[in-house]
């Protein structure tokens, strides 16, 4: 896919999943600039978009570090189980 997605859209597609909040924090920490914007459908600021290829490359690099297991549809940290 050669598209630019919002972080909310990317969070719905990534597998294993990451939340929009996680993506926003990581991308912010890395200092990435958005590729553009898209109307959000609400009043106020449009939603920032990021290249899907970059998001998937970042996700692939982070998957080994996620440390998340899924039980009963809820994310839980394996150390606390």
Protein backbone atom coordinates (compact mmCIF):
# COMPACT_ATOMS: atom_id res chain seq x y z
CA UNK A 1 0.00 0.00 0.00
CA UNK A 2 1.45 3.33 -1.03
CA UNK A 3 -0.83 5.59 0.99
CA UNK A 4 -0.69 8.03 3.84
CA UNK A 5 -2.84 7.06 6.82
CA UNK A 6 -3.83 8.74 10.04
CA UNK A 7 -2.53 7.11 13.20
CA UNK A 8 -6.09 6.09 14.10
CA UNK A 9 -6.40 4.28 10.75
CA UNK A 10 -2.99 2.63 11.15
CA UNK A 11 -3.86 1.45 14.66
CA UNK A 12 -6.90 -0.38 13.26
CA UNK A 13 -4.81 -2.25 10.67
CA UNK A 14 -1.56 -3.17 12.45
CA UNK A 15 -1.16 -6.76 13.60
CA UNK A 16 -0.20 -7.31 16.34
CA UNK A 17 -2.12 -4.20 17.28
CA UNK A 18 -0.78 -0.97 18.66
CA UNK A 19 -2.97 1.82 19.91
CA UNK A 20 -3.16 5.24 18.34
CA UNK A 21 -1.75 6.61 21.59
CA UNK A 22 1.28 4.29 21.40
CA UNK A 23 1.92 5.24 17.78
CA UNK A 24 1.57 8.95 18.54
CA UNK A 25 4.03 8.72 21.45
CA UNK A 26 6.64 6.79 19.46
CA UNK A 27 6.35 8.94 16.34
CA UNK A 28 6.52 12.07 18.49
CA UNK A 29 9.62 10.78 20.30
CA UNK A 30 11.25 10.09 16.95
CA UNK A 31 10.42 13.58 15.74
CA UNK A 32 8.66 12.42 12.57
CA UNK A 33 6.88 15.09 10.58
CA UNK A 34 3.54 14.24 9.03
CA UNK A 35 3.30 13.66 5.29
CA UNK A 36 0.14 15.74 5.11
CA UNK A 37 -3.28 16.16 6.63
CA UNK A 38 -6.79 14.97 6.03
CA UNK A 39 -10.07 16.45 7.26
CA UNK A 40 -11.02 14.61 10.44
CA UNK A 41 -14.77 15.03 10.03
CA UNK A 42 -14.89 17.13 13.19
CA UNK A 43 -14.37 20.81 13.82
CA UNK A 44 -10.85 21.88 14.49
CA UNK A 45 -7.52 20.66 13.26
CA UNK A 46 -7.31 18.11 10.44
CA UNK A 47 -5.74 14.71 11.20
CA UNK A 48 -2.06 14.28 10.38
CA UNK A 49 -1.16 11.50 7.95
CA UNK A 50 2.00 9.40 7.75
CA UNK A 51 3.30 7.13 4.96
CA UNK A 52 2.01 3.58 5.47
CA UNK A 53 5.37 2.09 4.45
CA UNK A 54 7.17 4.01 7.22
CA UNK A 55 4.54 3.02 9.77
CA UNK A 56 4.85 -0.67 8.87
CA UNK A 57 8.66 -0.51 9.00
CA UNK A 58 8.47 1.10 12.44
CA UNK A 59 5.92 -1.48 13.57
CA UNK A 60 8.07 -4.38 12.34
CA UNK A 61 11.02 -3.01 14.30
CA UNK A 62 8.90 -2.64 17.46
CA UNK A 63 7.04 -5.97 17.42
CA UNK A 64 9.79 -7.90 19.27
CA UNK A 65 9.68 -5.24 22.01
CA UNK A 66 5.93 -5.01 22.48
CA UNK A 67 5.88 -7.73 25.16
CA UNK A 68 2.13 -8.06 24.99
CA UNK A 69 -0.05 -11.13 25.14
CA UNK A 70 -3.75 -11.11 24.44
CA UNK A 71 -6.25 -12.94 26.63
CA UNK A 72 -9.97 -12.43 26.57
CA UNK A 73 -9.54 -9.59 24.09
CA UNK A 74 -7.53 -7.43 26.52
CA UNK A 75 -3.86 -6.56 26.28
CA UNK A 76 -1.91 -7.67 29.32
CA UNK A 77 1.78 -7.58 30.10
CA UNK A 78 3.18 -11.12 30.48
CA UNK A 79 5.25 -10.20 33.56
CA UNK A 80 2.11 -9.33 35.53
CA UNK A 81 0.34 -12.62 34.76
